[in-house]
């Protein structure tokens, strides 16, 4: 582990490596409180909305290369933007601005990061395999610019309120970013504000038969010292291009829903408490039929037991699917009309 340097301005309390291309291992010297049955106590509400508020991308911008941390000047600019955003906050429906973002950025070295991905070293997803490339390119989703939407077959399973999938559900979204952890002897429950609850056994559990699969997979946990390690397999496989929408799968990429998932997908997570108010969440995703190498991300979770969970009733009263289809048709009619006028004028 490289020597750590305390960077002065703009936040003297933060510590990042001297070498800004280095990602030090997670510290394991904090001793967390214990449950009544002796396990490390992870219980509480750990929303990840601040990660979305700071506009941190999953993939690193190519200009940074292998540099995982911002310079002092870059961080100062991020902090100034956060203070301006906090200053513009109004507690009203559909208001802009953020609450407490600048303070949060100053409270953790995560405020100096330039991507969620930490491996490969360039902070970018590995290339797809030759077999996965055409599936990803053919994927149907409202998130793909320029795709026509005429029916539900032109939408992905998140568009249709089925699921965000796994591990995509572990990454922040523009809303409903609450995560609550419950514990009982032999169990950890990870409850998401948006469309997911995972019940993780901490005992020697049998893996499901290969044919038994769910969108969140089968998770089995264990303690590695004070860190919770979870291994997940049996994730529903498929892609976003299959003409049969009932055979489609969720993407592992939280911000590109066209990526396929194969039967060999395997996820390992580590949750490590750094203090009573902070945890580090690490995830490594391996799918050799889709990605040419594994990829890993590292996120900060901050406790906020006052965070309010709201029901994410995605289907109830949902008009989005109809609106997306109608707006796509209307835009194409408008474009066709503009083209006709242009040709007539020539």
Protein backbone atom coordinates (compact mmCIF):
# COMPACT_ATOMS: atom_id res chain seq x y z
CA UNK A 1 0.00 0.00 0.00
CA UNK A 2 1.53 3.35 -1.02
CA UNK A 3 2.21 6.07 1.45
CA UNK A 4 -0.74 8.39 1.91
CA UNK A 5 -0.39 12.14 1.69
CA UNK A 6 -2.70 14.60 3.34
CA UNK A 7 -3.61 17.05 0.60
CA UNK A 8 -4.02 20.58 1.85
CA UNK A 9 -6.48 22.76 -0.02
CA UNK A 10 -9.29 22.46 -0.59
CA UNK A 11 -10.05 19.82 2.07
CA UNK A 12 -7.25 19.15 4.48
CA UNK A 13 -9.09 16.26 6.15
CA UNK A 14 -9.01 14.09 3.05
CA UNK A 15 -6.32 11.56 2.35
CA UNK A 16 -5.56 10.21 -1.11
CA UNK A 17 -2.45 8.51 -2.53
CA UNK A 18 0.59 10.52 -3.58
CA UNK A 19 0.30 8.70 -6.91
CA UNK A 20 -3.12 9.71 -8.27
CA UNK A 21 -3.19 6.60 -10.47
CA UNK A 22 -3.12 4.32 -7.41
CA UNK A 23 -6.22 2.85 -5.76
CA UNK A 24 -5.17 1.75 -2.24
CA UNK A 25 -6.84 -1.30 -0.72
CA UNK A 26 -9.74 -0.71 1.63
CA UNK A 27 -8.64 -0.28 5.24
CA UNK A 28 -9.82 -3.02 7.60
CA UNK A 29 -8.72 -1.66 10.98
CA UNK A 30 -12.08 -0.24 12.07
CA UNK A 31 -13.86 -2.40 14.64
CA UNK A 32 -17.64 -2.06 14.11
CA UNK A 33 -20.31 -2.51 16.76
CA UNK A 34 -21.76 -6.01 17.06
CA UNK A 35 -25.27 -7.36 16.86
CA UNK A 36 -26.70 -9.26 19.81
CA UNK A 37 -25.60 -12.51 18.10
CA UNK A 38 -22.06 -11.27 17.46
CA UNK A 39 -21.96 -10.23 13.78
CA UNK A 40 -20.62 -6.85 12.63
CA UNK A 41 -23.61 -4.50 12.77
CA UNK A 42 -24.32 -3.05 9.31
CA UNK A 43 -27.92 -2.15 10.04
CA UNK A 44 -29.22 1.22 8.99
CA UNK A 45 -30.09 3.34 5.97
CA UNK A 46 -27.28 3.98 3.51
CA UNK A 47 -28.63 6.11 0.61
CA UNK A 48 -26.32 6.62 -2.35
CA UNK A 49 -28.03 9.71 -3.74
CA UNK A 50 -24.99 11.93 -3.12
CA UNK A 51 -23.06 9.89 -5.71
CA UNK A 52 -25.73 10.78 -8.24
CA UNK A 53 -25.78 14.40 -7.03
CA UNK A 54 -22.04 14.74 -7.70
CA UNK A 55 -22.51 13.52 -11.30
CA UNK A 56 -19.77 10.94 -10.90
CA UNK A 57 -19.73 8.71 -13.99
CA UNK A 58 -19.45 4.95 -13.80
CA UNK A 59 -16.78 5.00 -16.51
CA UNK A 60 -13.84 7.38 -16.28
CA UNK A 61 -13.49 10.05 -18.95
CA UNK A 62 -10.70 9.00 -21.30
CA UNK A 63 -8.79 12.25 -20.69
CA UNK A 64 -7.86 11.02 -17.18
CA UNK A 65 -6.19 7.85 -18.46
CA UNK A 66 -5.22 5.71 -15.47
CA UNK A 67 -5.52 8.59 -13.00
CA UNK A 68 -8.25 7.65 -10.52
CA UNK A 69 -8.25 10.88 -8.47
CA UNK A 70 -8.82 14.55 -9.18
CA UNK A 71 -6.06 17.09 -8.81
CA UNK A 72 -6.41 19.88 -6.24
CA UNK A 73 -7.59 22.25 -8.97
CA UNK A 74 -10.14 19.80 -10.37
CA UNK A 75 -11.47 19.05 -6.92
CA UNK A 76 -11.73 22.76 -6.09
CA UNK A 77 -13.89 23.23 -9.21
CA UNK A 78 -16.11 20.27 -8.20
CA UNK A 79 -16.51 21.65 -4.70
CA UNK A 80 -17.36 25.14 -5.99
CA UNK A 81 -20.07 23.66 -8.23
CA UNK A 82 -21.45 21.68 -5.28
CA UNK A 83 -21.63 24.79 -3.11
CA UNK A 84 -23.44 26.66 -5.87
CA UNK A 85 -25.85 23.75 -6.29
CA UNK A 86 -26.50 23.58 -2.53
CA UNK A 87 -27.13 27.31 -2.50
CA UNK A 88 -29.79 27.01 -5.20
CA UNK A 89 -31.78 24.27 -3.45
CA UNK A 90 -35.47 24.91 -2.81
CA UNK A 91 -37.57 22.36 -0.94
CA UNK A 92 -40.32 22.13 -3.54
CA UNK A 93 -41.50 19.56 -6.04
CA UNK A 94 -39.26 19.39 -9.11
CA UNK A 95 -36.90 21.98 -7.65
CA UNK A 96 -33.25 22.05 -8.65
CA UNK A 97 -30.16 22.10 -6.52
CA UNK A 98 -28.74 19.72 -3.94
CA UNK A 99 -28.68 19.49 -0.16
CA UNK A 100 -25.43 19.01 1.73
CA UNK A 101 -23.43 17.89 -1.29
CA UNK A 102 -20.41 20.11 -0.58
CA UNK A 103 -20.21 18.96 3.05
CA UNK A 104 -20.42 15.34 1.91
CA UNK A 105 -17.67 15.81 -0.68
CA UNK A 106 -15.43 17.22 2.04
CA UNK A 107 -16.20 14.38 4.44
CA UNK A 108 -14.77 11.55 2.33
CA UNK A 109 -11.92 10.91 -0.07
CA UNK A 110 -14.60 9.65 -2.48
CA UNK A 111 -15.18 13.33 -3.29
CA UNK A 112 -11.85 13.25 -5.12
CA UNK A 113 -12.69 10.27 -7.35
CA UNK A 114 -13.32 10.62 -11.10
CA UNK A 115 -15.22 7.35 -11.72
CA UNK A 116 -16.97 4.53 -9.92
CA UNK A 117 -15.00 1.90 -11.85
CA UNK A 118 -11.55 1.26 -10.40
CA UNK A 119 -10.52 -1.74 -12.49
CA UNK A 120 -9.43 -2.03 -15.29
CA UNK A 121 -6.88 0.65 -14.38
CA UNK A 122 -8.27 3.08 -16.97
CA UNK A 123 -11.61 3.05 -15.13
CA UNK A 124 -13.50 1.91 -18.22
CA UNK A 125 -15.49 -1.21 -19.00
CA UNK A 126 -13.43 -3.91 -20.75
CA UNK A 127 -14.19 -4.54 -24.42
CA UNK A 128 -17.04 -6.89 -25.22
CA UNK A 129 -16.42 -10.32 -26.66
CA UNK A 130 -17.08 -10.79 -30.40
CA UNK A 131 -20.22 -12.76 -29.50
CA UNK A 132 -21.61 -10.03 -27.23
CA UNK A 133 -20.91 -7.04 -29.48
CA UNK A 134 -23.76 -7.59 -31.97
CA UNK A 135 -26.21 -8.32 -29.15
CA UNK A 136 -25.34 -5.06 -27.42
CA UNK A 137 -25.54 -3.07 -30.66
CA UNK A 138 -28.99 -4.54 -31.44
CA UNK A 139 -30.35 -3.93 -27.93
CA UNK A 140 -33.71 -2.18 -27.69
CA UNK A 141 -34.09 0.59 -25.14
CA UNK A 142 -35.52 4.06 -24.69
CA UNK A 143 -32.02 5.07 -23.59
CA UNK A 144 -30.64 4.59 -27.11
CA UNK A 145 -30.80 7.80 -29.14
CA UNK A 146 -32.45 7.51 -32.53
CA UNK A 147 -34.19 4.17 -32.00
CA UNK A 148 -37.81 4.08 -33.11
CA UNK A 149 -40.29 2.99 -30.45
CA UNK A 150 -43.48 1.47 -31.83
CA UNK A 151 -44.30 -1.19 -29.26
CA UNK A 152 -43.10 -2.68 -25.97
CA UNK A 153 -40.69 -4.85 -27.97
CA UNK A 154 -38.72 -1.62 -28.58
CA UNK A 155 -38.20 -1.07 -24.84
CA UNK A 156 -35.94 -2.72 -22.28
CA UNK A 157 -37.10 -4.38 -19.09
CA UNK A 158 -36.36 -1.35 -16.96
CA UNK A 159 -38.49 0.80 -19.32
CA UNK A 160 -41.26 -1.72 -18.64
CA UNK A 161 -40.86 -1.55 -14.83
CA UNK A 162 -39.61 -5.13 -14.48
CA UNK A 163 -36.22 -4.57 -12.85
CA UNK A 164 -32.94 -2.67 -13.01
CA UNK A 165 -31.21 -6.02 -12.68
CA UNK A 166 -28.03 -6.98 -10.88
CA UNK A 167 -25.51 -5.58 -10.21
CA UNK A 168 -27.01 -2.49 -11.89
CA UNK A 169 -29.37 -2.04 -8.91
CA UNK A 170 -26.36 -1.39 -6.67
CA UNK A 171 -25.44 1.76 -8.57
CA UNK A 172 -27.04 5.21 -8.13
CA UNK A 173 -29.90 6.50 -10.26
CA UNK A 174 -31.42 10.01 -10.57
CA UNK A 175 -34.03 9.14 -7.93
CA UNK A 176 -35.06 6.63 -5.22
CA UNK A 177 -31.51 5.81 -4.12
CA UNK A 178 -32.30 4.47 -0.67
CA UNK A 179 -30.59 1.29 0.58
CA UNK A 180 -31.58 -0.19 3.95
CA UNK A 181 -29.80 -3.09 5.61
CA UNK A 182 -31.56 -5.45 8.03
CA UNK A 183 -29.87 -8.29 9.89
CA UNK A 184 -31.01 -11.41 11.71
CA UNK A 185 -29.01 -14.43 12.88
CA UNK A 186 -27.68 -16.04 9.70
CA UNK A 187 -29.21 -13.45 7.35
CA UNK A 188 -28.55 -10.03 5.86
CA UNK A 189 -31.32 -8.26 3.92
CA UNK A 190 -30.46 -5.49 1.46
CA UNK A 191 -33.62 -3.54 0.68
CA UNK A 192 -33.62 -1.05 -2.18
CA UNK A 193 -36.02 1.83 -2.50
CA UNK A 194 -36.26 0.98 -6.20
CA UNK A 195 -37.57 -2.46 -7.21
CA UNK A 196 -35.31 -4.86 -5.30
CA UNK A 197 -34.87 -6.71 -2.02
CA UNK A 198 -32.11 -9.26 -1.53
CA UNK A 199 -32.16 -11.84 1.24
CA UNK A 200 -28.60 -13.07 1.74
CA UNK A 201 -28.02 -16.23 3.82
CA UNK A 202 -24.78 -16.38 5.80
CA UNK A 203 -24.67 -20.14 6.09
CA UNK A 204 -23.57 -22.99 3.85
CA UNK A 205 -26.37 -22.83 1.29
CA UNK A 206 -26.72 -25.02 -1.77
CA UNK A 207 -26.47 -23.29 -5.12
CA UNK A 208 -29.66 -23.47 -7.13
CA UNK A 209 -29.75 -25.74 -10.18
CA UNK A 210 -28.48 -23.89 -13.25
CA UNK A 211 -31.99 -23.59 -14.69
CA UNK A 212 -33.28 -21.72 -11.61
CA UNK A 213 -32.57 -18.02 -12.08
CA UNK A 214 -33.82 -14.60 -11.01
CA UNK A 215 -33.03 -11.06 -12.13
CA UNK A 216 -31.12 -10.47 -8.87
CA UNK A 217 -29.56 -13.92 -8.88
CA UNK A 218 -28.83 -16.13 -5.88
CA UNK A 219 -26.66 -14.41 -3.28
CA UNK A 220 -24.77 -16.26 -0.54
CA UNK A 221 -22.76 -14.32 2.03
CA UNK A 222 -19.97 -14.89 4.50
CA UNK A 223 -17.86 -12.82 6.88
CA UNK A 224 -14.23 -12.15 6.01
CA UNK A 225 -13.11 -10.60 9.26
CA UNK A 226 -15.46 -7.63 9.63
CA UNK A 227 -16.23 -7.39 5.90
CA UNK A 228 -19.39 -8.90 4.43
CA UNK A 229 -18.58 -10.83 1.26
CA UNK A 230 -21.46 -11.81 -1.05
CA UNK A 231 -21.17 -14.06 -4.10
CA UNK A 232 -24.01 -14.07 -6.60
CA UNK A 233 -24.72 -16.45 -9.47
CA UNK A 234 -27.85 -17.74 -11.25
CA UNK A 235 -28.72 -14.35 -12.76
CA UNK A 236 -31.28 -14.46 -15.56
CA UNK A 237 -29.36 -14.52 -18.83
CA UNK A 238 -30.28 -12.95 -22.14
CA UNK A 239 -30.09 -9.61 -23.89
CA UNK A 240 -32.18 -6.62 -24.90
CA UNK A 241 -32.44 -7.66 -28.54
CA UNK A 242 -34.42 -10.92 -28.35
CA UNK A 243 -37.74 -10.61 -30.23
CA UNK A 244 -39.36 -12.52 -27.36
CA UNK A 245 -39.55 -9.93 -24.57
CA UNK A 246 -40.05 -12.70 -22.01
CA UNK A 247 -36.54 -13.98 -22.76
CA UNK A 248 -34.83 -10.64 -22.32
CA UNK A 249 -32.45 -9.96 -19.46
CA UNK A 250 -31.31 -6.93 -17.52
CA UNK A 251 -28.00 -5.27 -18.25
CA UNK A 252 -25.20 -5.35 -15.66
CA UNK A 253 -24.27 -1.82 -16.78
CA UNK A 254 -26.41 0.60 -14.77
CA UNK A 255 -26.31 3.30 -17.45
CA UNK A 256 -26.46 1.25 -20.65
CA UNK A 257 -29.33 -1.21 -20.62
CA UNK A 258 -28.35 -2.85 -23.92
CA UNK A 259 -25.55 -5.01 -22.49
CA UNK A 260 -26.27 -8.77 -22.42
CA UNK A 261 -25.86 -11.17 -19.49
CA UNK A 262 -24.70 -14.76 -19.94
CA UNK A 263 -25.17 -17.82 -17.75
CA UNK A 264 -21.59 -17.49 -16.57
CA UNK A 265 -22.14 -14.10 -14.88
CA UNK A 266 -20.63 -14.04 -11.40
CA UNK A 267 -20.62 -11.15 -8.93
CA UNK A 268 -18.55 -10.71 -5.77
CA UNK A 269 -19.34 -7.84 -3.38
CA UNK A 270 -17.53 -6.64 -0.25
CA UNK A 271 -19.10 -4.28 2.28
CA UNK A 272 -16.64 -2.90 4.82
CA UNK A 273 -17.43 -0.41 7.58
CA UNK A 274 -14.92 2.42 7.86
CA UNK A 275 -16.64 4.22 10.74
CA UNK A 276 -20.13 4.21 12.31
CA UNK A 277 -21.25 6.57 9.51
CA UNK A 278 -19.42 5.24 6.46
CA UNK A 279 -19.04 1.98 4.53
CA UNK A 280 -17.12 1.04 1.40
CA UNK A 281 -19.01 -1.02 -1.17
CA UNK A 282 -16.91 -2.96 -3.69
CA UNK A 283 -18.22 -5.07 -6.55
CA UNK A 284 -16.41 -7.23 -9.10
CA UNK A 285 -18.35 -8.50 -12.10
CA UNK A 286 -17.13 -11.41 -14.20
CA UNK A 287 -18.84 -12.68 -17.34
CA UNK A 288 -16.33 -14.20 -19.78
CA UNK A 289 -18.97 -14.65 -22.50
CA UNK A 290 -19.76 -10.91 -22.50
CA UNK A 291 -16.70 -9.02 -21.23
CA UNK A 292 -13.11 -9.80 -22.19
CA UNK A 293 -12.04 -9.20 -18.57
CA UNK A 294 -13.68 -8.66 -15.16
CA UNK A 295 -14.48 -5.13 -13.99
CA UNK A 296 -14.67 -3.66 -10.48
CA UNK A 297 -16.23 -0.59 -8.89
CA UNK A 298 -15.84 1.00 -5.45
CA UNK A 299 -18.46 3.31 -3.89
CA UNK A 300 -18.90 5.14 -0.61
CA UNK A 301 -22.06 4.52 1.43
CA UNK A 302 -22.93 7.11 4.06
CA UNK A 303 -25.41 6.52 6.87
CA UNK A 304 -28.56 8.65 6.94
CA UNK A 305 -31.16 7.04 9.18
CA UNK A 306 -33.45 10.07 8.61
CA UNK A 307 -33.68 9.31 4.90
CA UNK A 308 -37.31 8.67 3.90
CA UNK A 309 -38.14 5.65 1.74
CA UNK A 310 -40.99 6.11 -0.72
CA UNK A 311 -42.96 3.43 -2.50
CA UNK A 312 -41.60 2.92 -6.00
CA UNK A 313 -44.89 1.91 -7.64
CA UNK A 314 -43.49 1.80 -11.15
CA UNK A 315 -46.47 0.12 -12.83
CA UNK A 316 -49.23 1.84 -10.92
CA UNK A 317 -50.56 4.75 -12.98
CA UNK A 318 -47.60 4.40 -15.33
CA UNK A 319 -48.14 6.24 -18.63
CA UNK A 320 -44.49 6.37 -19.57
CA UNK A 321 -44.53 3.40 -21.97
CA UNK A 322 -47.45 4.85 -23.91
CA UNK A 323 -45.89 8.31 -23.88
CA UNK A 324 -42.54 7.02 -25.17
CA UNK A 325 -44.24 5.22 -28.06
CA UNK A 326 -46.49 8.17 -28.91
CA UNK A 327 -43.66 10.70 -28.75
CA UNK A 328 -41.44 8.53 -30.96
CA UNK A 329 -44.18 8.21 -33.56
CA UNK A 330 -44.93 11.93 -33.43
CA UNK A 331 -41.27 12.86 -33.84
CA UNK A 332 -40.90 10.60 -36.87
CA UNK A 333 -44.02 12.09 -38.44
CA UNK A 334 -42.64 15.56 -37.80
CA UNK A 335 -39.27 14.63 -39.29
CA UNK A 336 -40.96 13.12 -42.35
CA UNK A 337 -43.03 16.27 -42.79
CA UNK A 338 -39.99 18.52 -42.54
CA UNK A 339 -38.20 16.39 -45.13
CA UNK A 340 -41.19 16.61 -47.50
CA UNK A 341 -41.29 20.41 -47.14
CA UNK A 342 -37.58 20.61 -47.83
CA UNK A 343 -37.89 18.49 -50.96
CA UNK A 344 -40.88 20.51 -52.16
CA UNK A 345 -38.92 23.74 -51.72
CA UNK A 346 -36.07 22.48 -53.86
